[in-house]
């Protein structure tokens, strides 16, 4: 197993790290999860008989007074046992959750919760509303962890609360490594009103043009953790319409000693984009600067972290600058290839390789032809150390613009269930530019790989694809497939009569636009149902079937 460590750059969770700014350049490194199966909590605690300490269950939670300021009280979880599954928090889940329960009655609209571990106690917090038989999880915190040698760690939650309502809190230590000291302190105290940009939905994205910058400013005092980042935060957003390199800096905010080092996509966020690099030297006052290369067109959100202990509270200045991408094909790689790409097979490429730490491996001297509109199977094998949480994605730059930004340029391969083998098909759009272009293959652990940036685990390999001209439809035999009923109300069946093969089906409207595409392996005599009733307008369409043998088209009518 891979224990959580202080070293490396964990691509999926780098954004959740609090960065101390003590005049040092670079990052102290992220926290990352061990390689074991994890589960989120499956449901509320309904057990009524305490097993360990008196507050070992929700129903026997220890009442805690809400004070005006933090007044820590000592507790010990040595006798605690697990009452519900570990929470999946900030991308991490402990293998064990020997928890203790606490309750409080809110006295203000915002309530702060602080738990500080001692020595090896690595706190995980989860807050709930409701009753013990019907709990609703509100937020969690698991953003810090003790380094080696052990040292104290502090977790905080900022909750929006209703005065007079009762809330519940469970506290446990992350169990990898197993803690030797289970003492901790807890305080619950009153907070202030949240800032106007506390929610990402409250901000409007400003347009960023290459060669310009956007100044943002604000005050994060009283920020809530409404988006589950592990700390209170306020938001800003920008949008770009072309691929850009972007720099985010805190120049002008000296002493602001903590920062999230990622951009987010979606509100609520669905994708984390960790910074390619960061430092505290570019700003004359020693503030943090973050660098993002080859950002694709879209809207990006940035969260300003609240961390009073690191001085990251109060007024701040933030600057976002954009420039035309300076390099073709963004840098990518992994610090350590525990799992790695052992073999890539697609077309005429059949490359076996050993583990290679660091930047992407250049195999662009190896290439394969793919015809416009053609679908070619691909298989990627994992190295000898495998995990079922491993993932593989492939990108091909069909428009040859030096990026992998187009929606038809990424292909997520299917895990065989063990992480040993990944399969799929690379389909060239009919309008793919002719000639040689780049194909990038990335393996990563416990995340959805992205084409740019560095991860702590995995490997990246680059190959070439030669796009050749579409030569027209090579007719399949008329007995090899049929469509019925035709005309139809939009629901039709395609019967396949050829030999077992990977089959691509694509439906075009009267203007020649592709309105549906799918591929699957079909056996002789197998039928596939296509259900378009209610989703496509009545009219005439063209259905194309393609296999490695050839292709043909049939006219279908939807009434």
Protein backbone atom coordinates (compact mmCIF):
# COMPACT_ATOMS: atom_id res chain seq x y z
CA UNK A 1 0.00 0.00 0.00
CA UNK A 2 1.04 3.60 -0.55
CA UNK A 3 0.69 5.54 2.74
CA UNK A 4 -0.08 9.23 2.69
CA UNK A 5 3.16 11.16 2.45
CA UNK A 6 4.54 14.67 2.24
CA UNK A 7 6.43 14.15 -0.98
CA UNK A 8 5.37 14.41 -4.59
CA UNK A 9 2.59 15.98 -6.58
CA UNK A 10 -0.72 14.14 -6.33
CA UNK A 11 -2.63 15.26 -9.42
CA UNK A 12 -6.15 14.57 -8.21
CA UNK A 13 -5.81 15.99 -4.73
CA UNK A 14 -3.05 18.58 -4.93
CA UNK A 15 -5.69 21.30 -4.79
CA UNK A 16 -6.69 20.34 -1.27
CA UNK A 17 -3.31 21.11 0.27
CA UNK A 18 -2.76 24.14 2.49
CA UNK A 19 0.49 25.74 1.30
CA UNK A 20 2.60 27.37 4.05
CA UNK A 21 4.37 30.44 2.73
CA UNK A 22 7.45 30.76 4.87
CA UNK A 23 9.74 32.30 2.30
CA UNK A 24 10.36 28.94 0.65
CA UNK A 25 9.91 28.24 -3.03
CA UNK A 26 7.86 25.36 -4.34
CA UNK A 27 5.50 23.14 -2.39
CA UNK A 28 5.87 20.91 0.61
CA UNK A 29 3.91 18.32 -1.36
CA UNK A 30 0.41 16.96 -1.11
CA UNK A 31 -1.45 14.47 0.94
CA UNK A 32 -2.60 11.43 -0.98
CA UNK A 33 -4.60 8.31 -0.21
CA UNK A 34 -3.24 4.84 0.35
CA UNK A 35 -4.01 2.25 -2.28
CA UNK A 36 -6.83 0.34 -0.67
CA UNK A 37 -10.51 0.11 -1.54
CA UNK A 38 -12.43 2.96 0.10
CA UNK A 39 -16.13 3.54 0.56
CA UNK A 40 -18.13 6.57 1.45
CA UNK A 41 -20.47 6.38 4.42
CA UNK A 42 -23.37 4.10 3.53
CA UNK A 43 -25.99 5.60 5.78
CA UNK A 44 -26.83 7.24 9.13
CA UNK A 45 -25.86 5.78 12.47
CA UNK A 46 -28.79 3.79 13.88
CA UNK A 47 -27.02 1.76 16.58
CA UNK A 48 -28.38 2.69 20.02
CA UNK A 49 -26.06 0.78 22.36
CA UNK A 50 -22.66 2.41 23.04
CA UNK A 51 -19.73 0.05 22.53
CA UNK A 52 -16.61 1.93 23.58
CA UNK A 53 -16.48 5.38 25.15
CA UNK A 54 -19.68 6.97 26.45
CA UNK A 55 -19.92 9.10 23.29
CA UNK A 56 -19.10 6.23 20.93
CA UNK A 57 -22.47 6.61 19.18
CA UNK A 58 -24.53 9.51 17.88
CA UNK A 59 -27.28 8.82 20.44
CA UNK A 60 -24.78 9.30 23.27
CA UNK A 61 -23.02 12.33 21.77
CA UNK A 62 -21.24 14.60 24.25
CA UNK A 63 -22.86 18.08 24.35
CA UNK A 64 -20.37 20.89 23.71
CA UNK A 65 -21.02 24.54 24.50
CA UNK A 66 -20.55 27.06 21.70
CA UNK A 67 -18.20 29.74 22.98
CA UNK A 68 -17.42 33.23 21.76
CA UNK A 69 -13.83 32.26 20.91
CA UNK A 70 -12.04 28.95 20.61
CA UNK A 71 -11.61 27.32 24.04
CA UNK A 72 -10.00 23.91 23.37
CA UNK A 73 -11.06 20.92 25.50
CA UNK A 74 -8.98 17.73 25.70
CA UNK A 75 -10.42 14.39 24.57
CA UNK A 76 -9.06 10.91 23.88
CA UNK A 77 -10.28 8.35 21.33
CA UNK A 78 -8.35 5.33 22.63
CA UNK A 79 -11.56 3.38 23.41
CA UNK A 80 -13.51 4.57 20.37
CA UNK A 81 -14.93 2.08 17.88
CA UNK A 82 -16.41 2.56 14.43
CA UNK A 83 -20.10 3.51 14.26
CA UNK A 84 -20.33 4.07 10.49
CA UNK A 85 -18.09 3.79 7.47
CA UNK A 86 -15.28 6.31 6.96
CA UNK A 87 -16.38 9.39 5.07
CA UNK A 88 -14.89 10.02 1.62
CA UNK A 89 -13.55 13.53 2.26
CA UNK A 90 -11.44 15.61 -0.12
CA UNK A 91 -10.74 12.44 -2.11
CA UNK A 92 -9.51 10.44 0.91
CA UNK A 93 -11.12 7.77 3.07
CA UNK A 94 -9.46 6.18 6.07
CA UNK A 95 -9.49 2.36 6.24
CA UNK A 96 -10.87 2.68 9.81
CA UNK A 97 -13.09 5.30 11.48
CA UNK A 98 -12.98 4.74 15.25
CA UNK A 99 -15.16 7.76 15.96
CA UNK A 100 -16.45 9.80 18.89
CA UNK A 101 -19.62 11.90 18.70
CA UNK A 102 -20.39 15.43 19.88
CA UNK A 103 -23.43 17.71 19.63
CA UNK A 104 -23.96 21.45 19.88
CA UNK A 105 -26.79 23.94 19.67
CA UNK A 106 -26.00 26.78 17.28
CA UNK A 107 -26.02 30.31 18.71
CA UNK A 108 -25.08 32.19 15.51
CA UNK A 109 -25.67 31.88 11.77
CA UNK A 110 -22.08 30.69 11.30
CA UNK A 111 -20.29 28.20 13.58
CA UNK A 112 -16.59 27.30 13.60
CA UNK A 113 -15.36 23.82 14.62
CA UNK A 114 -11.68 23.17 15.28
CA UNK A 115 -10.05 19.83 16.11
CA UNK A 116 -6.30 19.62 16.68
CA UNK A 117 -4.51 16.31 16.84
CA UNK A 118 -1.54 15.59 19.01
CA UNK A 119 1.39 13.56 17.76
CA UNK A 120 -0.06 10.85 15.49
CA UNK A 121 -3.76 11.74 15.76
CA UNK A 122 -4.71 12.89 12.23
CA UNK A 123 -8.21 14.37 12.67
CA UNK A 124 -11.11 13.73 10.31
CA UNK A 125 -14.32 15.70 11.00
CA UNK A 126 -17.84 15.22 9.69
CA UNK A 127 -20.78 17.44 10.64
CA UNK A 128 -24.47 16.49 10.46
CA UNK A 129 -27.91 18.00 10.84
CA UNK A 130 -31.08 16.09 11.67
CA UNK A 131 -31.48 13.40 14.32
CA UNK A 132 -29.38 10.36 15.12
CA UNK A 133 -31.84 8.14 13.31
CA UNK A 134 -31.96 10.43 10.28
CA UNK A 135 -28.66 12.26 9.85
CA UNK A 136 -27.77 14.49 6.91
CA UNK A 137 -24.06 14.99 6.27
CA UNK A 138 -23.30 18.70 5.88
CA UNK A 139 -19.53 18.91 5.46
CA UNK A 140 -16.28 17.19 6.28
CA UNK A 141 -12.65 18.18 6.82
CA UNK A 142 -9.54 16.13 6.06
CA UNK A 143 -7.07 18.57 4.56
CA UNK A 144 -4.01 18.29 6.82
CA UNK A 145 -1.99 15.40 8.16
CA UNK A 146 0.96 14.88 10.47
CA UNK A 147 4.35 14.83 8.73
CA UNK A 148 7.18 12.49 9.60
CA UNK A 149 8.31 12.94 12.36
CA UNK A 150 4.81 13.39 13.83
CA UNK A 151 3.58 16.87 14.59
CA UNK A 152 0.27 18.49 15.46
CA UNK A 153 -2.41 18.86 12.80
CA UNK A 154 -5.45 21.11 12.79
CA UNK A 155 -8.73 20.57 10.95
CA UNK A 156 -11.45 23.21 10.79
CA UNK A 157 -15.06 23.30 9.60
CA UNK A 158 -17.06 26.45 8.99
CA UNK A 159 -20.79 25.72 8.98
CA UNK A 160 -23.80 27.80 8.07
CA UNK A 161 -26.09 27.07 11.04
CA UNK A 162 -29.58 27.94 12.25
CA UNK A 163 -29.74 29.51 15.69
CA UNK A 164 -31.31 27.07 18.19
CA UNK A 165 -30.86 23.97 16.01
CA UNK A 166 -28.86 20.95 17.17
CA UNK A 167 -25.98 19.64 15.08
CA UNK A 168 -23.82 16.54 15.42
CA UNK A 169 -20.11 16.04 14.86
CA UNK A 170 -18.04 12.88 14.66
CA UNK A 171 -14.28 12.90 15.06
CA UNK A 172 -11.78 10.15 14.32
CA UNK A 173 -8.16 9.74 13.28
CA UNK A 174 -7.03 8.70 9.81
CA UNK A 175 -5.80 5.11 10.29
CA UNK A 176 -2.80 4.92 7.98
CA UNK A 177 -0.41 4.79 9.64
CA UNK A 178 -2.14 3.52 12.78
CA UNK A 179 -1.98 6.34 15.35
CA UNK A 180 0.06 5.76 18.49
CA UNK A 181 -1.47 8.68 20.41
CA UNK A 182 -5.24 9.23 20.19
CA UNK A 183 -5.46 12.49 22.16
CA UNK A 184 -6.96 15.58 20.54
CA UNK A 185 -8.59 18.91 21.39
CA UNK A 186 -11.97 20.25 20.24
CA UNK A 187 -13.56 23.67 20.33
CA UNK A 188 -16.78 24.98 18.80
CA UNK A 189 -17.20 28.74 18.63
CA UNK A 190 -19.25 31.50 17.08
CA UNK A 191 -18.52 32.83 13.61
CA UNK A 192 -19.39 35.88 11.53
CA UNK A 193 -21.53 36.31 8.43
CA UNK A 194 -20.20 34.77 5.22
CA UNK A 195 -18.78 37.01 2.44
CA UNK A 196 -20.87 37.77 -0.65
CA UNK A 197 -18.67 35.52 -2.84
CA UNK A 198 -18.77 32.59 -0.41
CA UNK A 199 -20.55 30.49 -3.06
CA UNK A 200 -19.11 29.84 -6.51
CA UNK A 201 -22.61 30.40 -7.88
CA UNK A 202 -22.48 33.98 -6.57
CA UNK A 203 -19.64 35.04 -8.88
CA UNK A 204 -19.72 35.96 -12.57
CA UNK A 205 -16.82 34.87 -14.75
CA UNK A 206 -14.78 37.73 -16.23
CA UNK A 207 -13.40 37.36 -19.75
CA UNK A 208 -9.63 36.86 -19.86
CA UNK A 209 -7.88 37.81 -23.11
CA UNK A 210 -4.34 36.77 -23.97
CA UNK A 211 -1.88 39.50 -23.07
CA UNK A 212 -4.10 40.97 -20.34
CA UNK A 213 -4.77 40.38 -16.66
CA UNK A 214 -7.74 40.59 -14.30
CA UNK A 215 -7.31 41.94 -10.75
CA UNK A 216 -9.53 40.41 -8.08
CA UNK A 217 -9.78 41.48 -4.45
CA UNK A 218 -11.93 40.73 -1.46
CA UNK A 219 -12.08 39.65 2.17
CA UNK A 220 -12.45 35.98 3.14
CA UNK A 221 -13.31 36.63 6.79
CA UNK A 222 -16.17 34.30 7.78
CA UNK A 223 -15.92 32.15 4.64
CA UNK A 224 -17.75 28.81 4.80
CA UNK A 225 -16.70 25.47 3.37
CA UNK A 226 -19.82 25.28 1.21
CA UNK A 227 -18.09 23.39 -1.63
CA UNK A 228 -16.39 20.75 0.53
CA UNK A 229 -12.77 21.79 -0.02
CA UNK A 230 -11.81 21.13 3.59
CA UNK A 231 -11.59 24.80 4.58
CA UNK A 232 -13.67 27.95 4.22
CA UNK A 233 -13.24 29.67 0.88
CA UNK A 234 -14.43 32.52 -1.33
CA UNK A 235 -14.56 32.37 -5.10
CA UNK A 236 -13.56 34.18 -8.28
CA UNK A 237 -13.97 33.04 -11.90
CA UNK A 238 -12.62 33.79 -15.36
CA UNK A 239 -13.36 32.50 -18.86
CA UNK A 240 -11.12 32.04 -21.91
CA UNK A 241 -12.07 31.41 -25.54
CA UNK A 242 -8.66 30.21 -26.73
CA UNK A 243 -5.98 27.94 -25.33
CA UNK A 244 -3.84 29.93 -22.89
CA UNK A 245 -1.11 29.80 -20.30
CA UNK A 246 -2.48 31.35 -17.09
CA UNK A 247 -0.72 32.72 -14.00
CA UNK A 248 -2.55 33.27 -10.70
CA UNK A 249 -0.68 35.25 -8.04
CA UNK A 250 -1.21 36.82 -4.61
CA UNK A 251 1.28 39.62 -5.21
CA UNK A 252 0.33 42.50 -2.91
CA UNK A 253 -0.93 40.23 -0.13
CA UNK A 254 2.22 39.55 1.91
CA UNK A 255 1.82 37.14 4.79
CA UNK A 256 -1.23 35.46 3.29
CA UNK A 257 0.23 32.11 4.28
CA UNK A 258 -2.08 29.48 2.78
CA UNK A 259 -3.55 28.87 -0.67
CA UNK A 260 -5.35 26.29 -2.74
CA UNK A 261 -3.11 25.41 -5.68
CA UNK A 262 -5.68 24.44 -8.30
CA UNK A 263 -8.39 25.72 -10.57
CA UNK A 264 -11.85 24.17 -10.55
CA UNK A 265 -14.30 23.54 -13.39
CA UNK A 266 -18.02 23.48 -12.80
CA UNK A 267 -20.09 24.99 -10.00
CA UNK A 268 -20.39 22.93 -7.89
CA UNK A 269 -16.97 21.82 -9.12
CA UNK A 270 -16.63 18.56 -11.02
CA UNK A 271 -12.99 18.77 -12.14
CA UNK A 272 -9.79 19.79 -10.33
CA UNK A 273 -6.91 21.21 -12.39
CA UNK A 274 -3.77 21.31 -10.22
CA UNK A 275 -1.15 23.93 -10.98
CA UNK A 276 1.76 22.77 -13.13
CA UNK A 277 4.12 24.60 -10.78
CA UNK A 278 4.17 27.22 -8.05
CA UNK A 279 6.65 29.40 -6.17
CA UNK A 280 7.01 32.19 -3.62
CA UNK A 281 9.79 34.04 -5.48
CA UNK A 282 8.02 35.64 -8.47
CA UNK A 283 6.21 38.13 -6.20
CA UNK A 284 8.60 40.59 -4.55
CA UNK A 285 6.69 40.26 -1.27
CA UNK A 286 7.05 36.46 -1.20
CA UNK A 287 3.40 35.71 -1.99
CA UNK A 288 2.30 32.58 -3.83
CA UNK A 289 2.31 32.37 -7.65
CA UNK A 290 0.62 29.48 -9.51
CA UNK A 291 1.23 28.48 -13.15
CA UNK A 292 -1.21 26.67 -15.46
CA UNK A 293 -0.09 25.70 -18.98
CA UNK A 294 -2.29 25.08 -22.02
CA UNK A 295 -5.67 25.69 -20.42
CA UNK A 296 -8.43 24.79 -22.85
CA UNK A 297 -11.23 27.25 -23.60
CA UNK A 298 -13.81 27.30 -20.82
CA UNK A 299 -14.75 28.79 -17.46
CA UNK A 300 -12.45 28.35 -14.47
CA UNK A 301 -13.06 28.99 -10.77
CA UNK A 302 -10.45 29.77 -8.14
CA UNK A 303 -11.04 29.44 -4.39
CA UNK A 304 -9.28 31.71 -1.90
CA UNK A 305 -8.68 29.64 1.23
CA UNK A 306 -9.49 30.75 4.78
CA UNK A 307 -6.74 29.63 7.16
CA UNK A 308 -6.42 31.90 10.18
CA UNK A 309 -3.53 29.90 11.65
CA UNK A 310 -1.45 30.55 8.51
CA UNK A 311 -2.44 34.21 8.28
CA UNK A 312 -4.76 33.57 5.32
CA UNK A 313 -7.67 35.60 6.62
CA UNK A 314 -8.88 39.09 5.79
CA UNK A 315 -8.34 41.31 2.78
CA UNK A 316 -6.44 39.90 -0.19
CA UNK A 317 -5.39 40.79 -3.73
CA UNK A 318 -5.43 38.25 -6.54
CA UNK A 319 -4.21 38.68 -10.11
CA UNK A 320 -5.02 36.37 -13.06
CA UNK A 321 -2.91 36.89 -16.21
CA UNK A 322 -3.27 35.10 -19.55
CA UNK A 323 -0.90 34.64 -22.49
CA UNK A 324 -0.96 32.66 -25.71
CA UNK A 325 0.25 29.11 -25.13
CA UNK A 326 4.00 29.09 -25.56
CA UNK A 327 4.47 25.39 -26.27
CA UNK A 328 2.81 22.74 -28.37
CA UNK A 329 1.62 19.81 -26.29
CA UNK A 330 1.65 20.60 -22.62
CA UNK A 331 4.07 18.87 -20.27
CA UNK A 332 2.80 15.81 -18.46
CA UNK A 333 4.27 13.03 -16.39
CA UNK A 334 4.38 11.30 -13.04
CA UNK A 335 6.83 11.35 -10.18
CA UNK A 336 6.77 7.59 -9.58
CA UNK A 337 5.53 4.85 -11.90
CA UNK A 338 4.39 2.25 -9.40
CA UNK A 339 1.73 1.27 -11.91
CA UNK A 340 2.97 2.05 -15.43
CA UNK A 341 2.23 1.56 -19.12
CA UNK A 342 3.76 -1.83 -19.91
CA UNK A 343 2.37 -2.31 -23.42
CA UNK A 344 0.40 -0.28 -25.95
CA UNK A 345 -1.22 -2.04 -28.91
CA UNK A 346 -3.08 -0.11 -31.61
CA UNK A 347 -2.89 -0.66 -35.36
CA UNK A 348 0.77 -1.13 -36.29
CA UNK A 349 1.97 0.05 -32.84
CA UNK A 350 2.87 -2.75 -30.43
CA UNK A 351 5.22 -1.21 -27.89
CA UNK A 352 6.41 -2.94 -24.71
CA UNK A 353 8.26 -0.71 -22.26
CA UNK A 354 9.56 -0.52 -18.71
CA UNK A 355 8.76 1.95 -15.97
CA UNK A 356 9.95 5.53 -16.64
CA UNK A 357 9.60 8.13 -13.89
CA UNK A 358 9.22 11.78 -14.77
CA UNK A 359 8.02 13.54 -17.95
CA UNK A 360 6.12 11.82 -20.74
CA UNK A 361 8.13 9.24 -22.69
CA UNK A 362 8.63 10.19 -26.34
CA UNK A 363 7.64 7.29 -28.58
CA UNK A 364 6.51 9.56 -31.43
CA UNK A 365 8.87 7.69 -33.77
CA UNK A 366 6.28 4.91 -33.54
CA UNK A 367 3.01 5.56 -35.32
CA UNK A 368 0.00 3.98 -36.95
CA UNK A 369 -2.36 4.99 -39.77
CA UNK A 370 -5.99 5.79 -38.99
CA UNK A 371 -8.39 6.66 -41.81
CA UNK A 372 -10.81 9.56 -41.40
CA UNK A 373 -13.95 8.10 -39.81
CA UNK A 374 -12.18 4.85 -38.90
CA UNK A 375 -12.36 3.22 -35.45
CA UNK A 376 -9.28 1.29 -34.34
CA UNK A 377 -9.14 -0.93 -31.21
CA UNK A 378 -6.52 -0.12 -28.57
CA UNK A 379 -5.24 -2.12 -25.58
CA UNK A 380 -3.03 -0.83 -22.79
CA UNK A 381 -1.48 -3.25 -20.28
CA UNK A 382 -0.45 -2.30 -16.75
CA UNK A 383 2.93 -3.02 -15.18
CA UNK A 384 3.39 -5.80 -12.62
CA UNK A 385 2.17 -3.59 -9.72
CA UNK A 386 -1.52 -2.99 -10.40
CA UNK A 387 -4.51 -1.58 -8.54
CA UNK A 388 -8.14 -1.82 -9.55
CA UNK A 389 -8.42 1.96 -9.08
CA UNK A 390 -5.96 2.59 -11.94
CA UNK A 391 -7.29 4.42 -15.00
CA UNK A 392 -6.14 5.05 -18.58
CA UNK A 393 -7.16 7.82 -20.98
CA UNK A 394 -5.91 8.42 -24.53
CA UNK A 395 -5.92 11.74 -26.41
CA UNK A 396 -5.38 12.37 -30.14
CA UNK A 397 -4.91 15.88 -31.55
CA UNK A 398 -7.20 15.54 -34.59
CA UNK A 399 -7.13 19.25 -35.47
CA UNK A 400 -3.32 19.42 -35.01
CA UNK A 401 -3.43 22.61 -32.94
CA UNK A 402 -0.91 21.41 -30.35
CA UNK A 403 -3.55 20.81 -27.67
CA UNK A 404 -6.04 18.12 -26.66
CA UNK A 405 -8.94 20.50 -26.08
CA UNK A 406 -11.60 19.28 -28.50
CA UNK A 407 -14.41 17.10 -27.15
CA UNK A 408 -13.70 14.36 -29.71
CA UNK A 409 -10.01 14.12 -28.77
CA UNK A 410 -10.20 12.10 -25.54
CA UNK A 411 -10.95 8.40 -25.15
CA UNK A 412 -11.44 6.77 -21.74
CA UNK A 413 -10.41 3.12 -21.85
CA UNK A 414 -12.36 0.42 -20.01
CA UNK A 415 -10.74 -1.17 -16.96
CA UNK A 416 -10.97 -4.98 -16.95
CA UNK A 417 -11.94 -4.76 -13.29
CA UNK A 418 -8.52 -5.52 -11.88
CA UNK A 419 -6.46 -2.70 -13.38
CA UNK A 420 -4.34 -5.12 -15.42
CA UNK A 421 -5.77 -4.32 -18.85
CA UNK A 422 -7.56 -1.38 -20.47
CA UNK A 423 -9.36 -1.56 -23.81
CA UNK A 424 -11.33 0.69 -26.12
CA UNK A 425 -11.28 2.15 -29.61
CA UNK A 426 -9.86 5.34 -31.09
CA UNK A 427 -12.26 6.86 -33.61
CA UNK A 428 -11.04 9.51 -36.02
CA UNK A 429 -13.63 12.15 -36.91
CA UNK A 430 -14.47 12.29 -40.59
CA UNK A 431 -12.98 15.81 -40.75
CA UNK A 432 -9.72 15.01 -38.93
CA UNK A 433 -6.79 16.85 -40.54
CA UNK A 434 -4.62 14.69 -42.75
CA UNK A 435 -1.05 13.96 -41.73
CA UNK A 436 0.92 13.14 -38.61
CA UNK A 437 -0.36 14.19 -35.22
CA UNK A 438 0.20 13.37 -31.53
CA UNK A 439 -1.41 10.59 -29.48
CA UNK A 440 -0.94 10.72 -25.69
CA UNK A 441 -1.55 7.72 -23.42
CA UNK A 442 -1.78 8.31 -19.66
CA UNK A 443 -2.12 5.88 -16.78
CA UNK A 444 -2.93 7.26 -13.32
CA UNK A 445 -4.09 6.01 -9.95
CA UNK A 446 -7.49 6.74 -8.44
CA UNK A 447 -8.39 9.65 -10.68
CA UNK A 448 -9.66 10.68 -14.08
CA UNK A 449 -6.42 11.41 -15.97
CA UNK A 450 -6.02 14.71 -17.80
CA UNK A 451 -3.60 15.40 -20.68
CA UNK A 452 -1.50 18.03 -18.91
CA UNK A 453 0.31 18.30 -15.60
CA UNK A 454 2.11 15.95 -13.25
CA UNK A 455 0.75 13.24 -10.98
CA UNK A 456 2.49 11.39 -8.18
CA UNK A 457 1.71 7.92 -9.56
CA UNK A 458 1.50 6.51 -13.09
CA UNK A 459 3.12 7.19 -16.45
CA UNK A 460 2.60 9.14 -19.71
CA UNK A 461 3.67 8.02 -23.20
CA UNK A 462 3.39 9.94 -26.50
CA UNK A 463 2.98 8.29 -29.93
CA UNK A 464 2.17 9.39 -33.48
CA UNK A 465 -0.97 8.88 -35.52
CA UNK A 466 -1.00 9.38 -39.29
CA UNK A 467 -4.47 10.42 -40.44
CA UNK A 468 -5.21 9.18 -43.97
CA UNK A 469 -7.98 10.24 -46.34
CA UNK A 470 -11.42 8.64 -46.17
CA UNK A 471 -11.59 6.43 -49.25
CA UNK A 472 -15.33 6.05 -49.36
CA UNK A 473 -17.69 3.34 -48.21
CA UNK A 474 -16.45 -0.21 -48.70
CA UNK A 475 -19.72 -2.09 -48.87
CA UNK A 476 -20.51 -4.79 -46.40
CA UNK A 477 -22.63 -7.60 -47.78
CA UNK A 478 -26.37 -6.95 -47.67
CA UNK A 479 -26.82 -10.08 -45.57
CA UNK A 480 -24.46 -8.79 -42.92
CA UNK A 481 -26.90 -6.36 -41.30
CA UNK A 482 -30.48 -5.15 -41.42
CA UNK A 483 -32.71 -2.56 -39.73
CA UNK A 484 -36.30 -3.14 -38.60
CA UNK A 485 -38.89 -1.76 -38.40
CA UNK A 486 -38.19 0.84 -41.05
CA UNK A 487 -39.95 3.31 -41.04
CA UNK A 488 -40.21 3.43 -37.23
CA UNK A 489 -41.28 5.73 -34.42
CA UNK A 490 -37.63 6.18 -33.52
CA UNK A 491 -37.08 2.83 -31.84
CA UNK A 492 -35.45 0.33 -34.19
CA UNK A 493 -33.35 -2.81 -34.03
CA UNK A 494 -30.14 -3.47 -35.97
CA UNK A 495 -29.47 -7.14 -36.62
CA UNK A 496 -25.84 -8.06 -37.28
CA UNK A 497 -25.17 -11.07 -39.51
CA UNK A 498 -21.39 -10.93 -39.95
CA UNK A 499 -18.58 -12.62 -38.03
CA UNK A 500 -17.87 -11.47 -34.48
CA UNK A 501 -16.34 -7.99 -34.69
CA UNK A 502 -16.05 -4.54 -33.15
CA UNK A 503 -18.90 -2.67 -34.85
CA UNK A 504 -19.38 1.08 -35.08
CA UNK A 505 -22.89 2.46 -35.67
CA UNK A 506 -23.37 6.11 -36.61
CA UNK A 507 -26.58 7.98 -37.49
CA UNK A 508 -26.56 11.10 -39.70
CA UNK A 509 -29.35 13.60 -40.26
CA UNK A 510 -30.40 14.95 -43.66
CA UNK A 511 -27.63 17.60 -43.49
CA UNK A 512 -24.96 14.97 -42.93
CA UNK A 513 -24.46 15.82 -39.25
CA UNK A 514 -23.69 12.96 -36.88
CA UNK A 515 -26.48 12.73 -34.27
CA UNK A 516 -25.55 9.42 -32.66
CA UNK A 517 -22.47 7.21 -32.47
CA UNK A 518 -21.70 4.04 -30.55
CA UNK A 519 -19.49 1.01 -30.85
CA UNK A 520 -19.62 -2.46 -29.38
CA UNK A 521 -18.49 -6.00 -30.06
CA UNK A 522 -21.29 -7.98 -31.74
CA UNK A 523 -21.73 -11.69 -32.31
CA UNK A 524 -23.27 -13.26 -35.41
CA UNK A 525 -27.05 -12.89 -35.24
CA UNK A 526 -26.97 -10.38 -32.37
CA UNK A 527 -29.40 -7.44 -32.40
CA UNK A 528 -28.90 -3.94 -31.04
CA UNK A 529 -31.81 -1.65 -30.13
CA UNK A 530 -31.53 2.04 -31.00
CA UNK A 531 -34.07 4.13 -29.11
CA UNK A 532 -34.53 7.63 -30.53
CA UNK A 533 -38.26 8.03 -29.90
CA UNK A 534 -38.88 11.55 -28.62
CA UNK A 535 -35.24 12.62 -29.02
CA UNK A 536 -35.01 12.97 -32.82
CA UNK A 537 -37.29 14.89 -35.13
CA UNK A 538 -39.27 12.95 -37.75
CA UNK A 539 -37.50 12.68 -41.07
CA UNK A 540 -35.00 10.75 -43.14
CA UNK A 541 -31.65 9.66 -41.66
CA UNK A 542 -28.65 7.63 -42.76
CA UNK A 543 -27.41 4.78 -40.58
CA UNK A 544 -23.82 3.68 -41.18
CA UNK A 545 -22.29 0.42 -39.94
CA UNK A 546 -18.52 0.02 -39.98
CA UNK A 547 -16.31 -2.95 -39.10
CA UNK A 548 -12.67 -3.72 -39.83
CA UNK A 549 -13.91 -5.48 -42.98
CA UNK A 550 -15.76 -2.52 -44.43
CA UNK A 551 -18.81 -0.32 -44.11
CA UNK A 552 -22.20 0.39 -45.62
CA UNK A 553 -25.17 2.70 -45.15
CA UNK A 554 -28.93 2.34 -45.05
CA UNK A 555 -31.63 5.00 -45.19
CA UNK A 556 -33.97 4.95 -42.18
CA UNK A 557 -37.13 6.97 -41.66
CA UNK A 558 -38.46 8.20 -38.32
CA UNK A 559 -42.13 9.13 -38.30
